[in-house]
N, C-alpha and C. Protein backbone atom coordinates (compact mmCIF):
# COMPACT_ATOMS: atom_id res chain seq x y z
N MET A 1 132.21 9.67 136.09
CA MET A 1 131.62 9.32 134.80
C MET A 1 132.72 9.15 133.77
N LYS A 2 132.47 8.24 132.84
CA LYS A 2 133.46 8.03 131.79
C LYS A 2 133.32 9.09 130.71
N LYS A 3 134.37 9.28 129.94
CA LYS A 3 134.37 10.27 128.87
C LYS A 3 133.55 9.75 127.69
N LEU A 4 132.71 10.60 127.16
CA LEU A 4 131.86 10.24 126.02
C LEU A 4 132.00 11.29 124.93
N SER A 5 131.80 10.88 123.70
CA SER A 5 131.77 11.84 122.59
C SER A 5 130.33 12.33 122.42
N GLY A 6 130.17 13.39 121.66
CA GLY A 6 128.83 13.91 121.39
C GLY A 6 127.96 12.90 120.67
N LYS A 7 128.57 12.14 119.78
CA LYS A 7 127.83 11.12 119.04
C LYS A 7 127.33 10.03 119.99
N ASP A 8 128.19 9.63 120.96
CA ASP A 8 127.79 8.63 121.95
C ASP A 8 126.61 9.11 122.79
N VAL A 9 126.65 10.37 123.19
CA VAL A 9 125.57 10.94 124.00
C VAL A 9 124.27 10.97 123.20
N CYS A 10 124.34 11.31 121.93
CA CYS A 10 123.13 11.32 121.09
C CYS A 10 122.54 9.92 120.98
N LEU A 11 123.39 8.90 120.85
CA LEU A 11 122.90 7.52 120.78
C LEU A 11 122.24 7.10 122.08
N ILE A 12 122.83 7.48 123.21
CA ILE A 12 122.23 7.16 124.52
C ILE A 12 120.88 7.84 124.67
N LEU A 13 120.81 9.13 124.32
CA LEU A 13 119.55 9.86 124.44
C LEU A 13 118.48 9.28 123.51
N SER A 14 118.89 8.83 122.32
CA SER A 14 117.90 8.27 121.40
C SER A 14 117.31 6.96 121.93
N LYS A 15 118.06 6.23 122.75
CA LYS A 15 117.52 5.02 123.38
C LYS A 15 116.41 5.34 124.37
N PHE A 16 116.39 6.60 124.86
CA PHE A 16 115.37 7.04 125.81
C PHE A 16 114.35 7.96 125.12
N VAL A 17 114.09 7.73 123.86
CA VAL A 17 113.04 8.37 123.05
C VAL A 17 113.32 9.85 122.77
N PHE A 18 114.55 10.30 122.85
CA PHE A 18 114.90 11.64 122.41
C PHE A 18 115.15 11.58 120.91
N VAL A 19 114.73 12.60 120.19
CA VAL A 19 114.95 12.67 118.75
C VAL A 19 115.71 13.95 118.41
N SER A 20 116.50 13.88 117.38
CA SER A 20 117.23 15.04 116.90
C SER A 20 116.26 15.91 116.10
N VAL A 21 116.10 17.17 116.53
CA VAL A 21 115.16 18.04 115.83
C VAL A 21 115.86 19.04 114.91
N ARG A 22 117.10 19.40 115.24
CA ARG A 22 117.85 20.31 114.37
C ARG A 22 119.32 20.32 114.78
N GLN A 23 120.13 20.92 113.93
CA GLN A 23 121.54 21.06 114.22
C GLN A 23 121.99 22.44 113.77
N LYS A 24 122.75 23.11 114.61
CA LYS A 24 123.31 24.41 114.26
C LYS A 24 124.79 24.35 114.59
N GLY A 25 125.61 24.34 113.58
CA GLY A 25 127.04 24.23 113.79
C GLY A 25 127.39 22.86 114.36
N SER A 26 128.10 22.87 115.49
CA SER A 26 128.52 21.60 116.08
C SER A 26 127.59 21.13 117.19
N HIS A 27 126.41 21.72 117.30
CA HIS A 27 125.48 21.33 118.36
C HIS A 27 124.20 20.72 117.76
N VAL A 28 123.83 19.56 118.31
CA VAL A 28 122.59 18.90 117.92
C VAL A 28 121.58 19.16 119.03
N ILE A 29 120.36 19.49 118.67
CA ILE A 29 119.30 19.72 119.64
C ILE A 29 118.43 18.47 119.67
N MET A 30 118.40 17.82 120.84
CA MET A 30 117.61 16.60 121.03
C MET A 30 116.38 16.95 121.86
N GLN A 31 115.23 16.38 121.49
CA GLN A 31 113.99 16.66 122.22
C GLN A 31 113.23 15.38 122.52
N LYS A 32 112.51 15.43 123.65
CA LYS A 32 111.62 14.35 124.05
C LYS A 32 110.31 15.00 124.49
N THR A 33 109.21 14.58 123.88
CA THR A 33 107.91 15.14 124.22
C THR A 33 107.19 14.20 125.18
N THR A 34 106.74 14.74 126.30
CA THR A 34 105.96 13.98 127.26
C THR A 34 104.55 14.55 127.26
N GLU A 35 103.70 13.99 128.11
CA GLU A 35 102.31 14.46 128.17
C GLU A 35 102.23 15.92 128.60
N LEU A 36 103.10 16.33 129.52
CA LEU A 36 103.01 17.67 130.09
C LEU A 36 103.98 18.68 129.50
N THR A 37 105.12 18.22 128.98
CA THR A 37 106.15 19.16 128.57
C THR A 37 107.03 18.56 127.48
N THR A 38 107.90 19.41 126.96
CA THR A 38 108.92 18.96 126.01
C THR A 38 110.29 19.22 126.64
N ILE A 39 111.13 18.19 126.67
CA ILE A 39 112.47 18.32 127.23
C ILE A 39 113.43 18.53 126.08
N THR A 40 114.19 19.62 126.13
CA THR A 40 115.14 19.96 125.08
C THR A 40 116.55 19.92 125.65
N VAL A 41 117.45 19.22 124.96
CA VAL A 41 118.83 19.08 125.43
C VAL A 41 119.78 19.36 124.26
N PRO A 42 120.62 20.41 124.37
CA PRO A 42 121.64 20.63 123.34
C PRO A 42 122.85 19.73 123.61
N VAL A 43 123.38 19.12 122.55
CA VAL A 43 124.54 18.23 122.68
C VAL A 43 125.62 18.69 121.72
N PRO A 44 126.81 19.06 122.25
CA PRO A 44 127.91 19.42 121.36
C PRO A 44 128.51 18.17 120.73
N LEU A 45 128.76 18.21 119.45
CA LEU A 45 129.33 17.05 118.76
C LEU A 45 130.86 17.09 118.80
N HIS A 46 131.40 17.10 120.00
CA HIS A 46 132.85 17.10 120.18
C HIS A 46 133.35 15.67 120.34
N LYS A 47 134.65 15.47 120.12
CA LYS A 47 135.23 14.14 120.28
C LYS A 47 135.13 13.67 121.73
N GLU A 48 135.28 14.61 122.65
CA GLU A 48 135.19 14.29 124.07
C GLU A 48 134.47 15.44 124.78
N ILE A 49 133.33 15.13 125.40
CA ILE A 49 132.56 16.16 126.10
C ILE A 49 133.14 16.33 127.50
N LYS A 50 133.31 17.57 127.91
CA LYS A 50 133.85 17.85 129.24
C LYS A 50 132.90 17.37 130.32
N THR A 51 133.45 17.07 131.48
CA THR A 51 132.68 16.50 132.58
C THR A 51 131.52 17.40 133.00
N GLY A 52 131.75 18.69 133.13
CA GLY A 52 130.70 19.62 133.54
C GLY A 52 129.57 19.68 132.52
N THR A 53 129.92 19.65 131.25
CA THR A 53 128.92 19.66 130.19
C THR A 53 128.09 18.39 130.22
N LEU A 54 128.76 17.26 130.45
CA LEU A 54 128.06 15.98 130.51
C LEU A 54 127.10 15.94 131.70
N HIS A 55 127.53 16.47 132.84
CA HIS A 55 126.64 16.53 134.01
C HIS A 55 125.42 17.40 133.71
N SER A 56 125.63 18.48 132.98
CA SER A 56 124.52 19.36 132.61
C SER A 56 123.54 18.65 131.69
N ILE A 57 124.06 17.86 130.75
CA ILE A 57 123.20 17.10 129.84
C ILE A 57 122.37 16.08 130.62
N VAL A 58 123.01 15.41 131.58
CA VAL A 58 122.30 14.43 132.41
C VAL A 58 121.18 15.11 133.18
N ARG A 59 121.48 16.26 133.79
CA ARG A 59 120.49 16.99 134.58
C ARG A 59 119.33 17.45 133.71
N GLN A 60 119.63 18.04 132.55
CA GLN A 60 118.58 18.55 131.66
C GLN A 60 117.70 17.45 131.09
N SER A 61 118.30 16.29 130.84
CA SER A 61 117.55 15.20 130.23
C SER A 61 116.62 14.50 131.21
N GLY A 62 116.90 14.64 132.52
CA GLY A 62 116.07 13.96 133.51
C GLY A 62 116.44 12.50 133.69
N LEU A 63 117.54 12.08 133.09
CA LEU A 63 118.01 10.70 133.24
C LEU A 63 118.98 10.62 134.41
N THR A 64 119.47 9.43 134.69
CA THR A 64 120.42 9.26 135.78
C THR A 64 121.83 9.02 135.23
N LYS A 65 122.84 9.21 136.07
CA LYS A 65 124.21 8.99 135.64
C LYS A 65 124.46 7.57 135.16
N PRO A 66 123.92 6.54 135.83
CA PRO A 66 124.15 5.17 135.32
C PRO A 66 123.59 4.94 133.92
N ASP A 67 122.60 5.72 133.50
CA ASP A 67 122.08 5.58 132.13
C ASP A 67 123.15 5.94 131.09
N PHE A 68 124.12 6.75 131.48
CA PHE A 68 125.16 7.19 130.57
C PHE A 68 126.44 6.38 130.69
N GLU A 69 126.43 5.31 131.46
CA GLU A 69 127.64 4.50 131.62
C GLU A 69 127.52 3.16 130.97
């Protein structure tokens, strides 16, 4: 996966109907409400998100890796 900033990840998530619900410090909380559940994904607003953190965001969001490339 390519390196992304926190701002880039928020833009990608917003394309998939995630909305920013709050921010605490350097972390933005993005949420997507579906018929059955609400998916919550914290995103650190760093210049470059580490690979493991990005993989965790992909897993939590329910999206695929190509969606982030």
